[in-house]
Amino acid sequence: MHLKGKVVFVLEDDPTNLSILGVVLEREGATMKYDRWGRETLQRIKELKPVDLILLDLNLPGAISGYDVFEQIRLDPDLKPIPIVAVSADDPVIAMPKVRSMGFDGFISKPIRFDLFGGFLARVLNGEKVWAPR
């Protein structure tokens, strides 16, 4: 139980992926809160404070992306300190340099590795950066 007592906010549009993340986070001792579309993510995180960690899918339906949500969060002084990790099926060769340059705290490829996921997130919560391509 790497994440016991932690609140993890997840932005994920795919119901199957959201369900998988929920099961894994619960198994690790975390409470998951989520948004599926990105349009209300900033407000939802503010309402839920404290949030210990944010996981962002990069590709969302519609006009907003995980990158856009990341930028919105980082502009808010109250939310800026919360670590943010991209969890994405994007090609890591392309996505990882972009998320690194933007200031994300990590990148974890989908499909996630159940045996390693909780440990990766615990490391981010301990101040490490985690870059876990496939």
N, C-alpha and C. Protein backbone atom coordinates (compact mmCIF):
# COMPACT_ATOMS: atom_id res chain seq x y z
N MET A 1 0.84 -1.18 0.00
CA MET A 1 0.00 0.00 0.00
C MET A 1 0.88 1.24 0.00
N HIS A 2 1.42 1.53 -1.19
CA HIS A 2 2.33 2.66 -1.37
C HIS A 2 1.68 4.03 -1.16
N LEU A 3 0.37 4.12 -1.33
CA LEU A 3 -0.29 5.42 -1.36
C LEU A 3 -1.34 5.58 -0.27
N LYS A 4 -1.16 4.89 0.81
CA LYS A 4 -2.15 4.89 1.88
C LYS A 4 -2.49 6.31 2.34
N GLY A 5 -3.79 6.63 2.29
CA GLY A 5 -4.28 7.92 2.75
C GLY A 5 -4.13 9.05 1.76
N LYS A 6 -3.58 8.81 0.59
CA LYS A 6 -3.37 9.88 -0.40
C LYS A 6 -4.62 10.06 -1.26
N VAL A 7 -4.83 11.30 -1.70
CA VAL A 7 -5.92 11.62 -2.62
C VAL A 7 -5.28 11.87 -3.99
N VAL A 8 -5.70 11.07 -4.97
CA VAL A 8 -5.17 11.18 -6.32
C VAL A 8 -6.30 11.62 -7.24
N PHE A 9 -6.07 12.71 -7.96
CA PHE A 9 -7.05 13.20 -8.93
C PHE A 9 -6.63 12.71 -10.31
N VAL A 10 -7.59 12.11 -11.02
CA VAL A 10 -7.32 11.53 -12.33
C VAL A 10 -8.17 12.22 -13.39
N LEU A 11 -7.54 12.65 -14.47
CA LEU A 11 -8.25 13.13 -15.65
C LEU A 11 -8.10 12.05 -16.70
N GLU A 12 -9.19 11.36 -17.00
CA GLU A 12 -9.18 10.23 -17.94
C GLU A 12 -10.55 10.14 -18.59
N ASP A 13 -10.59 10.15 -19.92
CA ASP A 13 -11.87 10.10 -20.62
C ASP A 13 -12.37 8.69 -20.89
N ASP A 14 -11.52 7.71 -20.90
CA ASP A 14 -11.92 6.34 -21.23
C ASP A 14 -12.43 5.63 -19.97
N PRO A 15 -13.68 5.18 -19.96
CA PRO A 15 -14.25 4.55 -18.77
C PRO A 15 -13.48 3.29 -18.32
N THR A 16 -12.98 2.52 -19.28
CA THR A 16 -12.22 1.31 -18.92
C THR A 16 -10.92 1.68 -18.22
N ASN A 17 -10.19 2.63 -18.80
CA ASN A 17 -8.93 3.07 -18.17
C ASN A 17 -9.19 3.69 -16.80
N LEU A 18 -10.27 4.46 -16.69
CA LEU A 18 -10.62 5.08 -15.41
C LEU A 18 -10.90 4.01 -14.36
N SER A 19 -11.62 2.98 -14.75
CA SER A 19 -11.93 1.89 -13.84
C SER A 19 -10.66 1.15 -13.40
N ILE A 20 -9.77 0.90 -14.34
CA ILE A 20 -8.50 0.22 -14.02
C ILE A 20 -7.69 1.06 -13.05
N LEU A 21 -7.57 2.35 -13.33
CA LEU A 21 -6.82 3.23 -12.42
C LEU A 21 -7.46 3.26 -11.04
N GLY A 22 -8.79 3.28 -10.99
CA GLY A 22 -9.48 3.28 -9.71
C GLY A 22 -9.17 2.03 -8.89
N VAL A 23 -9.19 0.88 -9.54
CA VAL A 23 -8.89 -0.38 -8.84
C VAL A 23 -7.45 -0.39 -8.33
N VAL A 24 -6.52 0.03 -9.17
CA VAL A 24 -5.11 0.02 -8.78
C VAL A 24 -4.86 1.02 -7.65
N LEU A 25 -5.42 2.21 -7.76
CA LEU A 25 -5.21 3.22 -6.71
C LEU A 25 -5.83 2.78 -5.40
N GLU A 26 -7.01 2.19 -5.46
CA GLU A 26 -7.65 1.70 -4.23
C GLU A 26 -6.81 0.59 -3.60
N ARG A 27 -6.30 -0.30 -4.42
CA ARG A 27 -5.44 -1.38 -3.92
C ARG A 27 -4.19 -0.82 -3.23
N GLU A 28 -3.72 0.32 -3.70
CA GLU A 28 -2.53 0.96 -3.13
C GLU A 28 -2.86 1.84 -1.93
N GLY A 29 -4.14 1.95 -1.58
CA GLY A 29 -4.54 2.69 -0.40
C GLY A 29 -4.97 4.12 -0.65
N ALA A 30 -5.04 4.53 -1.91
CA ALA A 30 -5.40 5.91 -2.25
C ALA A 30 -6.90 6.06 -2.47
N THR A 31 -7.35 7.29 -2.36
CA THR A 31 -8.70 7.66 -2.74
C THR A 31 -8.60 8.36 -4.09
N MET A 32 -9.40 7.91 -5.05
CA MET A 32 -9.37 8.51 -6.38
C MET A 32 -10.56 9.44 -6.57
N LYS A 33 -10.28 10.61 -7.08
CA LYS A 33 -11.29 11.55 -7.56
C LYS A 33 -10.99 11.75 -9.03
N TYR A 34 -12.00 12.12 -9.83
CA TYR A 34 -11.73 12.18 -11.26
C TYR A 34 -12.61 13.17 -12.01
N ASP A 35 -12.16 13.45 -13.23
CA ASP A 35 -12.92 14.19 -14.22
C ASP A 35 -12.66 13.48 -15.54
N ARG A 36 -13.65 13.47 -16.42
CA ARG A 36 -13.50 12.75 -17.68
C ARG A 36 -13.25 13.64 -18.89
N TRP A 37 -13.50 14.94 -18.79
CA TRP A 37 -13.46 15.75 -20.00
C TRP A 37 -12.43 16.87 -19.98
N GLY A 38 -11.99 17.31 -18.82
CA GLY A 38 -10.98 18.35 -18.75
C GLY A 38 -11.51 19.76 -18.64
N ARG A 39 -12.76 19.97 -18.99
CA ARG A 39 -13.30 21.33 -18.96
C ARG A 39 -13.49 21.84 -17.53
N GLU A 40 -13.76 20.95 -16.59
CA GLU A 40 -14.02 21.35 -15.21
C GLU A 40 -12.94 20.88 -14.23
N THR A 41 -11.85 20.37 -14.77
CA THR A 41 -10.82 19.78 -13.92
C THR A 41 -10.28 20.76 -12.89
N LEU A 42 -9.92 21.94 -13.33
CA LEU A 42 -9.34 22.92 -12.41
C LEU A 42 -10.28 23.21 -11.24
N GLN A 43 -11.53 23.46 -11.55
CA GLN A 43 -12.51 23.75 -10.50
C GLN A 43 -12.71 22.56 -9.57
N ARG A 44 -12.78 21.36 -10.14
CA ARG A 44 -12.97 20.16 -9.32
C ARG A 44 -11.80 19.95 -8.36
N ILE A 45 -10.59 20.16 -8.83
CA ILE A 45 -9.42 20.00 -7.96
C ILE A 45 -9.48 21.02 -6.83
N LYS A 46 -9.83 22.25 -7.15
CA LYS A 46 -9.93 23.29 -6.11
C LYS A 46 -10.96 22.91 -5.06
N GLU A 47 -12.07 22.33 -5.48
CA GLU A 47 -13.12 21.92 -4.54
C GLU A 47 -12.71 20.75 -3.68
N LEU A 48 -11.80 19.93 -4.16
CA LEU A 48 -11.41 18.70 -3.46
C LEU A 48 -10.22 18.87 -2.54
N LYS A 49 -9.57 20.00 -2.58
CA LYS A 49 -8.34 20.15 -1.81
C LYS A 49 -8.49 19.59 -0.40
N PRO A 50 -7.52 18.90 0.13
CA PRO A 50 -6.20 18.72 -0.48
C PRO A 50 -6.16 17.54 -1.45
N VAL A 51 -5.43 17.71 -2.53
CA VAL A 51 -5.14 16.66 -3.48
C VAL A 51 -3.63 16.45 -3.43
N ASP A 52 -3.21 15.19 -3.32
CA ASP A 52 -1.78 14.90 -3.18
C ASP A 52 -1.06 14.71 -4.51
N LEU A 53 -1.79 14.26 -5.54
CA LEU A 53 -1.17 13.92 -6.81
C LEU A 53 -2.22 14.02 -7.91
N ILE A 54 -1.80 14.46 -9.10
CA ILE A 54 -2.70 14.56 -10.25
C ILE A 54 -2.14 13.69 -11.37
N LEU A 55 -3.01 12.87 -11.96
CA LEU A 55 -2.67 12.05 -13.13
C LEU A 55 -3.47 12.57 -14.31
N LEU A 56 -2.79 12.92 -15.40
CA LEU A 56 -3.46 13.47 -16.57
C LEU A 56 -3.28 12.60 -17.79
N ASP A 57 -4.40 12.20 -18.38
CA ASP A 57 -4.38 11.64 -19.73
C ASP A 57 -4.09 12.82 -20.65
N LEU A 58 -3.28 12.62 -21.67
CA LEU A 58 -2.91 13.74 -22.53
C LEU A 58 -3.91 14.01 -23.64
N ASN A 59 -4.56 12.95 -24.11
CA ASN A 59 -5.49 13.09 -25.24
C ASN A 59 -6.92 12.94 -24.76
N LEU A 60 -7.69 13.99 -24.95
CA LEU A 60 -9.08 14.01 -24.53
C LEU A 60 -9.95 14.40 -25.72
N PRO A 61 -11.22 13.98 -25.71
CA PRO A 61 -12.10 14.40 -26.79
C PRO A 61 -12.40 15.90 -26.66
N GLY A 62 -12.59 16.55 -27.76
CA GLY A 62 -12.93 17.96 -27.71
C GLY A 62 -11.72 18.85 -27.85
N ALA A 63 -11.88 20.08 -27.42
CA ALA A 63 -10.88 21.11 -27.69
C ALA A 63 -9.78 21.20 -26.63
N ILE A 64 -9.91 20.50 -25.50
CA ILE A 64 -8.93 20.62 -24.44
C ILE A 64 -8.10 19.33 -24.34
N SER A 65 -6.85 19.47 -24.00
CA SER A 65 -5.96 18.31 -23.85
C SER A 65 -5.40 18.27 -22.44
N GLY A 66 -4.76 17.19 -22.10
CA GLY A 66 -4.07 17.10 -20.82
C GLY A 66 -2.98 18.14 -20.69
N TYR A 67 -2.36 18.49 -21.81
CA TYR A 67 -1.34 19.55 -21.80
C TYR A 67 -1.96 20.88 -21.39
N ASP A 68 -3.15 21.16 -21.94
CA ASP A 68 -3.85 22.40 -21.60
C ASP A 68 -4.21 22.45 -20.12
N VAL A 69 -4.71 21.33 -19.61
CA VAL A 69 -5.09 21.25 -18.20
C VAL A 69 -3.86 21.44 -17.33
N PHE A 70 -2.73 20.83 -17.72
CA PHE A 70 -1.48 21.00 -16.98
C PHE A 70 -1.13 22.49 -16.86
N GLU A 71 -1.20 23.19 -17.97
CA GLU A 71 -0.86 24.62 -17.96
C GLU A 71 -1.81 25.41 -17.06
N GLN A 72 -3.11 25.10 -17.08
CA GLN A 72 -4.07 25.77 -16.22
C GLN A 72 -3.74 25.55 -14.74
N ILE A 73 -3.42 24.31 -14.40
CA ILE A 73 -3.10 23.98 -13.00
C ILE A 73 -1.86 24.73 -12.56
N ARG A 74 -0.84 24.75 -13.40
CA ARG A 74 0.42 25.40 -13.02
C ARG A 74 0.30 26.92 -12.89
N LEU A 75 -0.72 27.50 -13.50
CA LEU A 75 -0.94 28.94 -13.36
C LEU A 75 -1.64 29.30 -12.06
N ASP A 76 -2.19 28.32 -11.38
CA ASP A 76 -2.91 28.57 -10.12
C ASP A 76 -1.94 28.40 -8.95
N PRO A 77 -1.65 29.46 -8.21
CA PRO A 77 -0.66 29.38 -7.13
C PRO A 77 -1.00 28.34 -6.06
N ASP A 78 -2.29 28.12 -5.81
CA ASP A 78 -2.67 27.14 -4.79
C ASP A 78 -2.44 25.71 -5.25
N LEU A 79 -2.51 25.47 -6.54
CA LEU A 79 -2.39 24.11 -7.07
C LEU A 79 -1.01 23.81 -7.62
N LYS A 80 -0.22 24.84 -7.85
CA LYS A 80 1.09 24.69 -8.49
C LYS A 80 2.00 23.65 -7.81
N PRO A 81 1.99 23.52 -6.48
CA PRO A 81 2.90 22.56 -5.84
C PRO A 81 2.51 21.08 -6.01
N ILE A 82 1.29 20.80 -6.46
CA ILE A 82 0.85 19.41 -6.56
C ILE A 82 1.58 18.73 -7.71
N PRO A 83 2.22 17.58 -7.45
CA PRO A 83 2.89 16.87 -8.54
C PRO A 83 1.89 16.37 -9.58
N ILE A 84 2.31 16.44 -10.85
CA ILE A 84 1.46 16.02 -11.96
C ILE A 84 2.22 15.02 -12.83
N VAL A 85 1.57 13.89 -13.10
CA VAL A 85 2.16 12.83 -13.93
C VAL A 85 1.24 12.60 -15.14
N ALA A 86 1.83 12.54 -16.33
CA ALA A 86 1.10 12.16 -17.52
C ALA A 86 0.99 10.64 -17.54
N VAL A 87 -0.21 10.13 -17.78
CA VAL A 87 -0.43 8.70 -17.95
C VAL A 87 -1.08 8.57 -19.32
N SER A 88 -0.32 8.07 -20.29
CA SER A 88 -0.75 8.19 -21.67
C SER A 88 -0.34 7.01 -22.54
N ALA A 89 -1.15 6.77 -23.57
CA ALA A 89 -0.81 5.77 -24.59
C ALA A 89 -0.03 6.40 -25.74
N ASP A 90 0.24 7.70 -25.65
CA ASP A 90 1.04 8.35 -26.69
C ASP A 90 2.42 7.70 -26.80
N ASP A 91 3.00 7.81 -27.96
CA ASP A 91 4.35 7.31 -28.18
C ASP A 91 5.30 8.04 -27.23
N PRO A 92 5.95 7.32 -26.31
CA PRO A 92 6.82 7.99 -25.34
C PRO A 92 8.01 8.72 -25.97
N VAL A 93 8.44 8.29 -27.14
CA VAL A 93 9.55 8.96 -27.81
C VAL A 93 9.16 10.40 -28.16
N ILE A 94 7.90 10.60 -28.45
CA ILE A 94 7.41 11.94 -28.79
C ILE A 94 6.90 12.67 -27.55
N ALA A 95 6.11 11.97 -26.72
CA ALA A 95 5.44 12.63 -25.59
C ALA A 95 6.38 12.96 -24.43
N MET A 96 7.30 12.06 -24.11
CA MET A 96 8.14 12.30 -22.92
C MET A 96 8.97 13.58 -23.02
N PRO A 97 9.62 13.86 -24.13
CA PRO A 97 10.36 15.13 -24.18
C PRO A 97 9.45 16.35 -24.00
N LYS A 98 8.23 16.27 -24.54
CA LYS A 98 7.31 17.41 -24.39
C LYS A 98 6.88 17.58 -22.94
N VAL A 99 6.50 16.49 -22.26
CA VAL A 99 6.06 16.64 -20.87
C VAL A 99 7.22 17.03 -19.96
N ARG A 100 8.41 16.54 -20.26
CA ARG A 100 9.59 16.97 -19.48
C ARG A 100 9.81 18.47 -19.62
N SER A 101 9.78 18.95 -20.87
CA SER A 101 10.05 20.38 -21.10
C SER A 101 8.97 21.27 -20.49
N MET A 102 7.75 20.75 -20.39
CA MET A 102 6.66 21.53 -19.79
C MET A 102 6.75 21.56 -18.27
N GLY A 103 7.44 20.58 -17.68
CA GLY A 103 7.57 20.57 -16.23
C GLY A 103 6.74 19.52 -15.51
N PHE A 104 6.20 18.55 -16.23
CA PHE A 104 5.51 17.44 -15.57
C PHE A 104 6.48 16.74 -14.62
N ASP A 105 5.94 16.04 -13.64
CA ASP A 105 6.76 15.30 -12.69
C ASP A 105 6.99 13.86 -13.10
N GLY A 106 6.42 13.47 -14.23
CA GLY A 106 6.64 12.13 -14.73
C GLY A 106 5.74 11.79 -15.90
N PHE A 107 6.04 10.63 -16.47
CA PHE A 107 5.28 10.08 -17.59
C PHE A 107 5.23 8.58 -17.39
N ILE A 108 4.02 8.02 -17.42
CA ILE A 108 3.84 6.58 -17.31
C ILE A 108 3.02 6.14 -18.51
N SER A 109 3.56 5.18 -19.25
CA SER A 109 2.88 4.69 -20.44
C SER A 109 1.72 3.78 -20.09
N LYS A 110 0.69 3.85 -20.94
CA LYS A 110 -0.40 2.89 -20.90
C LYS A 110 -0.06 1.79 -21.89
N PRO A 111 -0.45 0.58 -21.67
CA PRO A 111 -1.14 0.13 -20.47
C PRO A 111 -0.19 0.15 -19.27
N ILE A 112 -0.75 0.50 -18.11
CA ILE A 112 0.07 0.60 -16.91
C ILE A 112 0.48 -0.79 -16.44
N ARG A 113 1.61 -0.85 -15.77
CA ARG A 113 2.07 -2.10 -15.16
C ARG A 113 1.59 -2.11 -13.72
N PHE A 114 0.62 -2.98 -13.44
CA PHE A 114 0.01 -3.04 -12.11
C PHE A 114 1.04 -3.24 -11.01
N ASP A 115 2.06 -4.02 -11.29
CA ASP A 115 3.06 -4.35 -10.27
C ASP A 115 3.99 -3.17 -9.95
N LEU A 116 4.08 -2.20 -10.84
CA LEU A 116 5.00 -1.08 -10.65
C LEU A 116 4.32 0.26 -10.42
N PHE A 117 3.06 0.38 -10.80
CA PHE A 117 2.37 1.66 -10.82
C PHE A 117 2.38 2.37 -9.46
N GLY A 118 1.98 1.68 -8.41
CA GLY A 118 1.94 2.29 -7.07
C GLY A 118 3.30 2.78 -6.62
N GLY A 119 4.32 2.01 -6.91
CA GLY A 119 5.69 2.40 -6.57
C GLY A 119 6.13 3.64 -7.33
N PHE A 120 5.76 3.71 -8.62
CA PHE A 120 6.10 4.91 -9.41
C PHE A 120 5.47 6.15 -8.78
N LEU A 121 4.19 6.05 -8.43
CA LEU A 121 3.50 7.21 -7.85
C LEU A 121 4.06 7.57 -6.48
N ALA A 122 4.41 6.58 -5.69
CA ALA A 122 5.02 6.85 -4.38
C ALA A 122 6.33 7.60 -4.55
N ARG A 123 7.10 7.23 -5.55
CA ARG A 123 8.37 7.93 -5.81
C ARG A 123 8.12 9.39 -6.17
N VAL A 124 7.10 9.66 -6.99
CA VAL A 124 6.77 11.04 -7.34
C VAL A 124 6.37 11.82 -6.08
N LEU A 125 5.58 11.19 -5.23
CA LEU A 125 5.17 11.86 -3.98
C LEU A 125 6.35 12.11 -3.05
N ASN A 126 7.44 11.37 -3.23
CA ASN A 126 8.66 11.58 -2.45
C ASN A 126 9.61 12.56 -3.13
N GLY A 127 9.14 13.22 -4.19
CA GLY A 127 9.94 14.26 -4.83
C GLY A 127 10.76 13.82 -6.03
N GLU A 128 10.67 12.56 -6.41
CA GLU A 128 11.41 12.08 -7.59
C GLU A 128 10.60 12.34 -8.85
N LYS A 129 11.29 12.38 -9.96
CA LYS A 129 10.64 12.39 -11.26
C LYS A 129 10.65 10.94 -11.76
N VAL A 130 9.58 10.52 -12.39
CA VAL A 130 9.48 9.14 -12.87
C VAL A 130 9.17 9.16 -14.37
N TRP A 131 10.01 8.51 -15.14
CA TRP A 131 9.84 8.42 -16.59
C TRP A 131 9.78 6.95 -16.95
N ALA A 132 8.56 6.45 -17.17
CA ALA A 132 8.35 5.02 -17.36
C ALA A 132 7.71 4.73 -18.71
N PRO A 133 8.52 4.72 -19.78
CA PRO A 133 7.97 4.35 -21.07
C PRO A 133 7.66 2.85 -21.07
N ARG A 134 7.02 2.39 -22.08
CA ARG A 134 6.64 0.97 -22.18
C ARG A 134 7.76 0.05 -21.82
